[in-house]
Amino acid sequence: MPGRVWFIGAGPGAPDLLTLRGARLISEADIVVWARSLVHEGVLEHARPDAEIVESTTIPLEGVREIYERAAAGDLRIARVHSGDPSLYGAIMEQIELCEELGLGWEIVPGVSSLGAAAAALGRELTVPEVSQSVILTRRATRTPMPENEGIERFAAHGTTMAIFLSAARPRGLQEELLAGGYPPETPCAVVYRASWPDEQVIECPLKELAGRIRQAGIRRQALILVGPALAAGGRRSRLYSPTFSHMFRRAGEGEDAPRA
């Protein structure tokens, strides 16, 4: 098989949230590249005993290039293991461009995002009927700038569920932007630190307390911040399971819960 790179989503943390495909490809790789600071070491249990394991926390793209050059020259298979899902803040585009420059085949293997793990930790649905049917995934501008029309304040004006990545380091500024965008001070918020890891921590509070609670907990990284009315909504019923709602597999009035004359 010619040289190839698999960009594998390892999931949010718990090793058993790695997909079956991800585990299989790790087991087939000649080289496994992973970041100890973001990926649970348990995923390495799937690697072959003779596989080369490269810990990439301190390696810039230039160091990764050397590994990919070896793969291209020796027809090696690389499992490049990313946290969460590689397509969300995974910094894979520059690596894909490098693969194409070197003539390496590549494939993205989806993973469970920290968004799903955070919602599971909260026990909440993020899209509650008649309350919020949209989720905005974004981050606050810090050292990495944001496009002009993608600021927190502009997105907050929608009033729907917002999932904010990579933004726990400066919580006061984040809180101010959310309030300025139109979220009321009592808007439900949640901070999920290291979702699905053994040291997972969940904080729930109104928006007016968000910055203080984050600082009190000492959280500065590896946290997802959720904001929006759906986090506390209840008493709503989806039409999908309503006996009065028709869809392609069931007509209204059919089913055990349908009202009878």
C-alpha atoms as a PDB file:
ATOM      1  CA  MET A   1       0.000   0.000   0.000  1.00  0.00           C
ATOM      2  CA  PRO A   2       1.401   3.445  -0.868  1.00  0.00           C
ATOM      3  CA  GLY A   3       2.136   5.964   1.885  1.00  0.00           C
ATOM      4  CA  ARG A   4      -0.988   7.299   3.550  1.00  0.00           C
ATOM      5  CA  VAL A   5      -2.070   9.511   6.464  1.00  0.00           C
ATOM      6  CA  TRP A   6      -5.268   8.923   8.417  1.00  0.00           C
ATOM      7  CA  PHE A   7      -6.453  11.956  10.398  1.00  0.00           C
ATOM      8  CA  ILE A   8      -8.304  10.153  13.165  1.00  0.00           C
ATOM      9  CA  GLY A   9     -10.671  11.760  15.657  1.00  0.00           C
ATOM     10  CA  ALA A  10      -9.939  10.187  19.039  1.00  0.00           C
ATOM     11  CA  GLY A  11     -13.067  11.653  20.612  1.00  0.00           C
ATOM     12  CA  PRO A  12     -13.315  13.968  23.628  1.00  0.00           C
ATOM     13  CA  GLY A  13     -11.229  11.927  26.039  1.00  0.00           C
ATOM     14  CA  ALA A  14     -12.613   8.568  27.171  1.00  0.00           C
ATOM     15  CA  PRO A  15     -10.697   5.898  25.187  1.00  0.00           C
ATOM     16  CA  ASP A  16     -13.849   3.911  24.495  1.00  0.00           C
ATOM     17  CA  LEU A  17     -15.331   6.874  22.604  1.00  0.00           C
ATOM     18  CA  LEU A  18     -12.817   6.212  19.824  1.00  0.00           C
ATOM     19  CA  THR A  19     -14.716   4.883  16.806  1.00  0.00           C
ATOM     20  CA  LEU A  20     -14.303   1.307  15.584  1.00  0.00           C
ATOM     21  CA  ARG A  21     -12.841   2.612  12.316  1.00  0.00           C
ATOM     22  CA  GLY A  22     -10.371   4.791  14.187  1.00  0.00           C
ATOM     23  CA  ALA A  23      -9.241   1.860  16.330  1.00  0.00           C
ATOM     24  CA  ARG A  24      -8.818  -0.380  13.282  1.00  0.00           C
ATOM     25  CA  LEU A  25      -6.708   2.149  11.390  1.00  0.00           C
ATOM     26  CA  ILE A  26      -4.504   2.819  14.412  1.00  0.00           C
ATOM     27  CA  SER A  27      -3.877  -0.947  14.543  1.00  0.00           C
ATOM     28  CA  GLU A  28      -2.792  -0.895  10.880  1.00  0.00           C
ATOM     29  CA  ALA A  29      -0.465   2.118  11.145  1.00  0.00           C
ATOM     30  CA  ASP A  30       3.311   1.970  10.939  1.00  0.00           C
ATOM     31  CA  ILE A  31       3.572   5.307  12.778  1.00  0.00           C
ATOM     32  CA  VAL A  32       1.118   6.744  15.307  1.00  0.00           C
ATOM     33  CA  VAL A  33       1.366  10.480  15.951  1.00  0.00           C
ATOM     34  CA  TRP A  34      -0.581  11.742  18.956  1.00  0.00           C
ATOM     35  CA  ALA A  35      -0.562  14.629  21.455  1.00  0.00           C
ATOM     36  CA  ARG A  36      -0.408  13.573  25.098  1.00  0.00           C
ATOM     37  CA  SER A  37      -1.808  16.943  26.206  1.00  0.00           C
ATOM     38  CA  LEU A  38      -5.096  16.374  24.332  1.00  0.00           C
ATOM     39  CA  VAL A  39      -5.538  12.644  23.622  1.00  0.00           C
ATOM     40  CA  HIS A  40      -5.959   9.885  26.198  1.00  0.00           C
ATOM     41  CA  GLU A  41      -3.043   7.447  26.211  1.00  0.00           C
ATOM     42  CA  GLY A  42      -5.533   4.583  26.163  1.00  0.00           C
ATOM     43  CA  VAL A  43      -6.002   4.940  22.405  1.00  0.00           C
ATOM     44  CA  LEU A  44      -2.446   3.644  21.968  1.00  0.00           C
ATOM     45  CA  GLU A  45      -3.587   0.208  23.122  1.00  0.00           C
ATOM     46  CA  HIS A  46      -4.778  -0.321  19.555  1.00  0.00           C
ATOM     47  CA  ALA A  47      -1.322   0.301  18.054  1.00  0.00           C
ATOM     48  CA  ARG A  48       0.839  -2.597  16.826  1.00  0.00           C
ATOM     49  CA  PRO A  49       3.684  -3.604  19.159  1.00  0.00           C
ATOM     50  CA  ASP A  50       6.185  -2.692  16.442  1.00  0.00           C
ATOM     51  CA  ALA A  51       4.577   0.645  15.503  1.00  0.00           C
ATOM     52  CA  GLU A  52       6.594   3.825  15.962  1.00  0.00           C
ATOM     53  CA  ILE A  53       4.861   6.102  18.494  1.00  0.00           C
ATOM     54  CA  VAL A  54       5.499   9.845  18.132  1.00  0.00           C
ATOM     55  CA  GLU A  55       4.323  12.224  20.879  1.00  0.00           C
ATOM     56  CA  SER A  56       3.659  15.500  19.071  1.00  0.00           C
ATOM     57  CA  THR A  57       2.903  18.057  21.804  1.00  0.00           C
ATOM     58  CA  THR A  58       6.116  19.998  21.159  1.00  0.00           C
ATOM     59  CA  ILE A  59       6.462  19.290  17.424  1.00  0.00           C
ATOM     60  CA  PRO A  60       5.631  22.117  14.975  1.00  0.00           C
ATOM     61  CA  LEU A  61       4.400  21.486  11.430  1.00  0.00           C
ATOM     62  CA  GLU A  62       8.004  21.346  10.207  1.00  0.00           C
ATOM     63  CA  GLY A  63       8.635  18.365  12.477  1.00  0.00           C
ATOM     64  CA  VAL A  64       5.507  16.649  11.213  1.00  0.00           C
ATOM     65  CA  ARG A  65       6.749  17.240   7.668  1.00  0.00           C
ATOM     66  CA  GLU A  66       9.826  15.116   8.332  1.00  0.00           C
ATOM     67  CA  ILE A  67       7.585  12.228   9.427  1.00  0.00           C
ATOM     68  CA  TYR A  68       5.362  12.609   6.369  1.00  0.00           C
ATOM     69  CA  GLU A  69       8.410  12.716   4.089  1.00  0.00           C
ATOM     70  CA  ARG A  70       9.536   9.378   5.532  1.00  0.00           C
ATOM     71  CA  ALA A  71       6.069   7.987   4.932  1.00  0.00           C
ATOM     72  CA  ALA A  72       6.100   9.119   1.307  1.00  0.00           C
ATOM     73  CA  ALA A  73       9.580   7.665   0.711  1.00  0.00           C
ATOM     74  CA  GLY A  74       8.914   4.353   2.457  1.00  0.00           C
ATOM     75  CA  ASP A  75       5.211   3.773   1.721  1.00  0.00           C
ATOM     76  CA  LEU A  76       4.407   4.018   5.411  1.00  0.00           C
ATOM     77  CA  ARG A  77       0.941   4.392   6.916  1.00  0.00           C
ATOM     78  CA  ILE A  78       0.488   7.097   9.553  1.00  0.00           C
ATOM     79  CA  ALA A  79      -2.314   7.422  12.085  1.00  0.00           C
ATOM     80  CA  ARG A  80      -2.393  11.126  12.978  1.00  0.00           C
ATOM     81  CA  VAL A  81      -4.609  11.074  16.066  1.00  0.00           C
ATOM     82  CA  HIS A  82      -6.454  14.285  16.944  1.00  0.00           C
ATOM     83  CA  SER A  83      -8.693  15.062  19.887  1.00  0.00           C
ATOM     84  CA  GLY A  84     -12.448  15.283  19.315  1.00  0.00           C
ATOM     85  CA  ASP A  85     -13.335  15.476  15.641  1.00  0.00           C
ATOM     86  CA  PRO A  86     -10.469  16.538  13.316  1.00  0.00           C
ATOM     87  CA  SER A  87     -12.747  18.846  11.318  1.00  0.00           C
ATOM     88  CA  LEU A  88     -13.459  21.097  14.323  1.00  0.00           C
ATOM     89  CA  TYR A  89     -10.441  23.196  15.301  1.00  0.00           C
ATOM     90  CA  GLY A  90      -8.203  20.300  14.303  1.00  0.00           C
ATOM     91  CA  ALA A  91      -5.612  22.275  12.290  1.00  0.00           C
ATOM     92  CA  ILE A  92      -5.656  19.614   9.594  1.00  0.00           C
ATOM     93  CA  MET A  93      -5.894  21.734   6.431  1.00  0.00           C
ATOM     94  CA  GLU A  94      -2.202  22.623   6.432  1.00  0.00           C
ATOM     95  CA  GLN A  95      -1.405  18.940   6.967  1.00  0.00           C
ATOM     96  CA  ILE A  96      -3.647  17.897   4.084  1.00  0.00           C
ATOM     97  CA  GLU A  97      -1.904  20.421   1.837  1.00  0.00           C
ATOM     98  CA  LEU A  98       1.429  18.951   2.953  1.00  0.00           C
ATOM     99  CA  CYS A  99       0.237  15.424   2.120  1.00  0.00           C
ATOM    100  CA  GLU A 100      -0.815  16.519  -1.350  1.00  0.00           C
ATOM    101  CA  GLU A 101       2.527  18.260  -1.887  1.00  0.00           C
ATOM    102  CA  LEU A 102       4.360  15.039  -0.947  1.00  0.00           C
ATOM    103  CA  GLY A 103       2.051  12.756  -2.909  1.00  0.00           C
ATOM    104  CA  LEU A 104       0.668  11.056   0.209  1.00  0.00           C
ATOM    105  CA  GLY A 105      -2.861   9.722   0.244  1.00  0.00           C
ATOM    106  CA  TRP A 106      -4.984  10.919   3.151  1.00  0.00           C
ATOM    107  CA  GLU A 107      -8.349  10.361   4.788  1.00  0.00           C
ATOM    108  CA  ILE A 108     -10.319  12.072   7.563  1.00  0.00           C
ATOM    109  CA  VAL A 109     -11.843   9.673  10.098  1.00  0.00           C
ATOM    110  CA  PRO A 110     -14.606  11.410  12.082  1.00  0.00           C
ATOM    111  CA  GLY A 111     -14.558  11.434  15.856  1.00  0.00           C
ATOM    112  CA  VAL A 112     -16.956  12.259  18.690  1.00  0.00           C
ATOM    113  CA  SER A 113     -16.760  15.998  19.329  1.00  0.00           C
ATOM    114  CA  SER A 114     -16.439  17.470  22.804  1.00  0.00           C
ATOM    115  CA  LEU A 115     -19.748  19.172  21.988  1.00  0.00           C
ATOM    116  CA  GLY A 116     -21.573  15.842  22.143  1.00  0.00           C
ATOM    117  CA  ALA A 117     -19.656  14.763  25.245  1.00  0.00           C
ATOM    118  CA  ALA A 118     -20.412  18.042  27.022  1.00  0.00           C
ATOM    119  CA  ALA A 119     -24.134  17.803  26.274  1.00  0.00           C
ATOM    120  CA  ALA A 120     -24.092  14.217  27.538  1.00  0.00           C
ATOM    121  CA  ALA A 121     -22.366  15.291  30.754  1.00  0.00           C
ATOM    122  CA  LEU A 122     -25.101  17.874  31.266  1.00  0.00           C
ATOM    123  CA  GLY A 123     -27.849  15.472  30.330  1.00  0.00           C
ATOM    124  CA  ARG A 124     -29.329  18.085  28.001  1.00  0.00           C
ATOM    125  CA  GLU A 125     -30.622  18.282  24.457  1.00  0.00           C
ATOM    126  CA  LEU A 126     -29.245  21.422  22.823  1.00  0.00           C
ATOM    127  CA  THR A 127     -32.077  21.770  20.291  1.00  0.00           C
ATOM    128  CA  VAL A 128     -35.324  21.992  22.254  1.00  0.00           C
ATOM    129  CA  PRO A 129     -38.534  22.484  20.220  1.00  0.00           C
ATOM    130  CA  GLU A 130     -39.852  26.056  20.243  1.00  0.00           C
ATOM    131  CA  VAL A 131     -36.843  27.194  22.302  1.00  0.00           C
ATOM    132  CA  SER A 132     -33.699  26.620  20.248  1.00  0.00           C
ATOM    133  CA  GLN A 133     -33.369  24.757  16.963  1.00  0.00           C
ATOM    134  CA  SER A 134     -29.851  25.939  16.101  1.00  0.00           C
ATOM    135  CA  VAL A 135     -26.416  25.544  17.662  1.00  0.00           C
ATOM    136  CA  ILE A 136     -23.647  28.029  16.905  1.00  0.00           C
ATOM    137  CA  LEU A 137     -20.131  26.590  17.208  1.00  0.00           C
ATOM    138  CA  THR A 138     -17.513  29.284  17.596  1.00  0.00           C
ATOM    139  CA  ARG A 139     -14.607  30.608  19.645  1.00  0.00           C
ATOM    140  CA  ARG A 140     -13.556  33.971  21.026  1.00  0.00           C
ATOM    141  CA  ALA A 141     -10.863  35.943  19.239  1.00  0.00           C
ATOM    142  CA  THR A 142      -7.630  35.700  21.219  1.00  0.00           C
ATOM    143  CA  ARG A 143      -4.209  35.085  19.700  1.00  0.00           C
ATOM    144  CA  THR A 144      -6.028  33.552  16.742  1.00  0.00           C
ATOM    145  CA  PRO A 145      -8.064  36.344  15.112  1.00  0.00           C
ATOM    146  CA  MET A 146     -11.671  35.900  13.992  1.00  0.00           C
ATOM    147  CA  PRO A 147     -13.296  37.085  10.753  1.00  0.00           C
ATOM    148  CA  GLU A 148     -14.915  40.466  11.310  1.00  0.00           C
ATOM    149  CA  ASN A 149     -18.481  39.176  11.070  1.00  0.00           C
ATOM    150  CA  GLU A 150     -17.945  36.210  13.426  1.00  0.00           C
ATOM    151  CA  GLY A 151     -17.523  37.899  16.787  1.00  0.00           C
ATOM    152  CA  ILE A 152     -19.167  36.553  19.936  1.00  0.00           C
ATOM    153  CA  GLU A 153     -21.339  39.648  20.262  1.00  0.00           C
ATOM    154  CA  ARG A 154     -22.794  39.225  16.765  1.00  0.00           C
ATOM    155  CA  PHE A 155     -23.572  35.540  17.274  1.00  0.00           C
ATOM    156  CA  ALA A 156     -25.108  36.221  20.683  1.00  0.00           C
ATOM    157  CA  ALA A 157     -27.744  38.382  19.028  1.00  0.00           C
ATOM    158  CA  HIS A 158     -29.384  35.201  17.702  1.00  0.00           C
ATOM    159  CA  GLY A 159     -30.268  34.119  21.242  1.00  0.00           C
ATOM    160  CA  THR A 160     -29.963  30.427  20.413  1.00  0.00           C
ATOM    161  CA  THR A 161     -27.636  27.768  21.852  1.00  0.00           C
ATOM    162  CA  MET A 162     -23.972  28.707  21.514  1.00  0.00           C
ATOM    163  CA  ALA A 163     -21.055  26.314  22.013  1.00  0.00           C
ATOM    164  CA  ILE A 164     -17.842  28.255  22.611  1.00  0.00           C
ATOM    165  CA  PHE A 165     -14.559  26.414  22.188  1.00  0.00           C
ATOM    166  CA  LEU A 166     -11.045  27.425  23.274  1.00  0.00           C
ATOM    167  CA  SER A 167     -12.223  30.482  25.205  1.00  0.00           C
ATOM    168  CA  ALA A 168     -11.923  29.795  28.942  1.00  0.00           C
ATOM    169  CA  ALA A 169      -8.700  31.738  29.509  1.00  0.00           C
ATOM    170  CA  ARG A 170     -10.349  35.193  29.521  1.00  0.00           C
ATOM    171  CA  PRO A 171     -13.838  34.617  30.897  1.00  0.00           C
ATOM    172  CA  ARG A 172     -14.578  38.213  31.878  1.00  0.00           C
ATOM    173  CA  GLY A 173     -14.280  39.461  28.305  1.00  0.00           C
ATOM    174  CA  LEU A 174     -16.361  36.538  27.058  1.00  0.00           C
ATOM    175  CA  GLN A 175     -19.131  37.261  29.550  1.00  0.00           C
ATOM    176  CA  GLU A 176     -19.193  40.938  28.594  1.00  0.00           C
ATOM    177  CA  GLU A 177     -19.478  40.131  24.889  1.00  0.00           C
ATOM    178  CA  LEU A 178     -22.311  37.640  25.469  1.00  0.00           C
ATOM    179  CA  LEU A 179     -24.241  40.216  27.500  1.00  0.00           C
ATOM    180  CA  ALA A 180     -23.572  42.965  24.972  1.00  0.00           C
ATOM    181  CA  GLY A 181     -24.882  40.702  22.216  1.00  0.00           C
ATOM    182  CA  GLY A 182     -28.269  40.389  23.873  1.00  0.00           C
ATOM    183  CA  TYR A 183     -28.278  37.342  26.142  1.00  0.00           C
ATOM    184  CA  PRO A 184     -30.088  38.284  29.407  1.00  0.00           C
ATOM    185  CA  PRO A 185     -27.993  38.039  32.614  1.00  0.00           C
ATOM    186  CA  GLU A 186     -30.078  35.049  33.759  1.00  0.00           C
ATOM    187  CA  THR A 187     -29.375  33.024  30.577  1.00  0.00           C
ATOM    188  CA  PRO A 188     -28.372  29.450  31.549  1.00  0.00           C
ATOM    189  CA  CYS A 189     -24.710  28.606  31.010  1.00  0.00           C
ATOM    190  CA  ALA A 190     -22.577  25.527  31.493  1.00  0.00           C
ATOM    191  CA  VAL A 191     -18.832  24.966  31.524  1.00  0.00           C
ATOM    192  CA  VAL A 192     -17.675  21.399  30.912  1.00  0.00           C
ATOM    193  CA  TYR A 193     -13.996  20.836  31.664  1.00  0.00           C
ATOM    194  CA  ARG A 194     -12.357  17.768  30.073  1.00  0.00           C
ATOM    195  CA  ALA A 195     -15.626  16.149  29.044  1.00  0.00           C
ATOM    196  CA  SER A 196     -15.566  12.338  29.445  1.00  0.00           C
ATOM    197  CA  TRP A 197     -12.135  12.321  31.175  1.00  0.00           C
ATOM    198  CA  PRO A 198     -11.845  10.908  34.726  1.00  0.00           C
ATOM    199  CA  ASP A 199     -11.404  14.468  36.085  1.00  0.00           C
ATOM    200  CA  GLU A 200     -14.390  15.884  34.186  1.00  0.00           C
ATOM    201  CA  GLN A 201     -15.906  18.920  35.877  1.00  0.00           C
ATOM    202  CA  VAL A 202     -19.285  20.528  35.157  1.00  0.00           C
ATOM    203  CA  ILE A 203     -20.327  24.016  36.227  1.00  0.00           C
ATOM    204  CA  GLU A 204     -23.846  25.330  35.694  1.00  0.00           C
ATOM    205  CA  CYS A 205     -24.717  28.962  36.373  1.00  0.00           C
ATOM    206  CA  PRO A 206     -26.501  32.035  34.991  1.00  0.00           C
ATOM    207  CA  LEU A 207     -24.539  34.166  32.528  1.00  0.00           C
ATOM    208  CA  LYS A 208     -24.030  36.937  35.091  1.00  0.00           C
ATOM    209  CA  GLU A 209     -21.926  34.515  37.183  1.00  0.00           C
ATOM    210  CA  LEU A 210     -20.036  32.832  34.325  1.00  0.00           C
ATOM    211  CA  ALA A 211     -16.673  34.598  34.583  1.00  0.00           C
ATOM    212  CA  GLY A 212     -16.530  34.340  38.364  1.00  0.00           C
ATOM    213  CA  ARG A 213     -17.357  30.646  38.392  1.00  0.00           C
ATOM    214  CA  ILE A 214     -14.732  29.844  35.738  1.00  0.00           C
ATOM    215  CA  ARG A 215     -12.047  31.746  37.648  1.00  0.00           C
ATOM    216  CA  GLN A 216     -13.099  30.200  40.956  1.00  0.00           C
ATOM    217  CA  ALA A 217     -12.656  26.738  39.442  1.00  0.00           C
ATOM    218  CA  GLY A 218      -9.249  27.661  38.008  1.00  0.00           C
ATOM    219  CA  ILE A 219     -10.230  26.531  34.510  1.00  0.00           C
ATOM    220  CA  ARG A 220      -8.181  28.032  31.695  1.00  0.00           C
ATOM    221  CA  ARG A 221      -8.159  25.391  28.940  1.00  0.00           C
ATOM    222  CA  GLN A 222      -9.773  22.158  27.721  1.00  0.00           C
ATOM    223  CA  ALA A 223     -13.249  23.462  28.502  1.00  0.00           C
ATOM    224  CA  LEU A 224     -16.345  23.929  26.378  1.00  0.00           C
ATOM    225  CA  ILE A 225     -18.721  26.739  27.322  1.00  0.00           C
ATOM    226  CA  LEU A 226     -22.404  26.366  26.466  1.00  0.00           C
ATOM    227  CA  VAL A 227     -24.859  29.260  26.574  1.00  0.00           C
ATOM    228  CA  GLY A 228     -28.547  29.514  25.767  1.00  0.00           C
ATOM    229  CA  PRO A 229     -32.118  28.998  26.949  1.00  0.00           C
ATOM    230  CA  ALA A 230     -32.208  25.337  25.874  1.00  0.00           C
ATOM    231  CA  LEU A 231     -29.914  24.454  28.787  1.00  0.00           C
ATOM    232  CA  ALA A 232     -32.801  24.915  31.222  1.00  0.00           C
ATOM    233  CA  ALA A 233     -35.817  24.340  28.985  1.00  0.00           C
ATOM    234  CA  GLY A 234     -38.337  21.622  29.678  1.00  0.00           C
ATOM    235  CA  GLY A 235     -41.979  20.756  29.189  1.00  0.00           C
ATOM    236  CA  ARG A 236     -41.677  20.679  25.413  1.00  0.00           C
ATOM    237  CA  ARG A 237     -42.550  17.706  23.212  1.00  0.00           C
ATOM    238  CA  SER A 238     -41.054  16.956  19.830  1.00  0.00           C
ATOM    239  CA  ARG A 239     -43.537  16.424  17.030  1.00  0.00           C
ATOM    240  CA  LEU A 240     -41.524  13.432  15.834  1.00  0.00           C
ATOM    241  CA  TYR A 241     -43.142  11.120  18.393  1.00  0.00           C
ATOM    242  CA  SER A 242     -46.515  12.830  18.562  1.00  0.00           C
ATOM    243  CA  PRO A 243     -49.505  10.650  17.508  1.00  0.00           C
ATOM    244  CA  THR A 244     -50.925  13.683  15.700  1.00  0.00           C
ATOM    245  CA  PHE A 245     -47.827  14.147  13.474  1.00  0.00           C
ATOM    246  CA  SER A 246     -47.429  12.336  10.144  1.00  0.00           C
ATOM    247  CA  HIS A 247     -44.123  11.449   8.506  1.00  0.00           C
ATOM    248  CA  MET A 248     -42.960   9.052   5.805  1.00  0.00           C
ATOM    249  CA  PHE A 249     -43.035   6.028   8.140  1.00  0.00           C
ATOM    250  CA  ARG A 250     -46.240   6.717  10.063  1.00  0.00           C
ATOM    251  CA  ARG A 251     -49.528   8.471   9.490  1.00  0.00           C
ATOM    252  CA  ALA A 252     -51.153  10.595  12.179  1.00  0.00           C
ATOM    253  CA  GLY A 253     -53.341   8.485  14.398  1.00  0.00           C
ATOM    254  CA  GLU A 254     -51.243   5.322  14.052  1.00  0.00           C
ATOM    255  CA  GLY A 255     -49.280   3.725  16.861  1.00  0.00           C
ATOM    256  CA  GLU A 256     -49.904   2.608  20.411  1.00  0.00           C
ATOM    257  CA  ASP A 257     -50.092   6.165  21.769  1.00  0.00           C
ATOM    258  CA  ALA A 258     -52.640   7.329  19.244  1.00  0.00           C
ATOM    259  CA  PRO A 259     -55.952   8.467  20.731  1.00  0.00           C
ATOM    260  CA  ARG A 260     -58.764   5.975  20.184  1.00  0.00           C
ATOM    261  CA  ALA A 261     -62.426   6.703  19.594  1.00  0.00           C
END
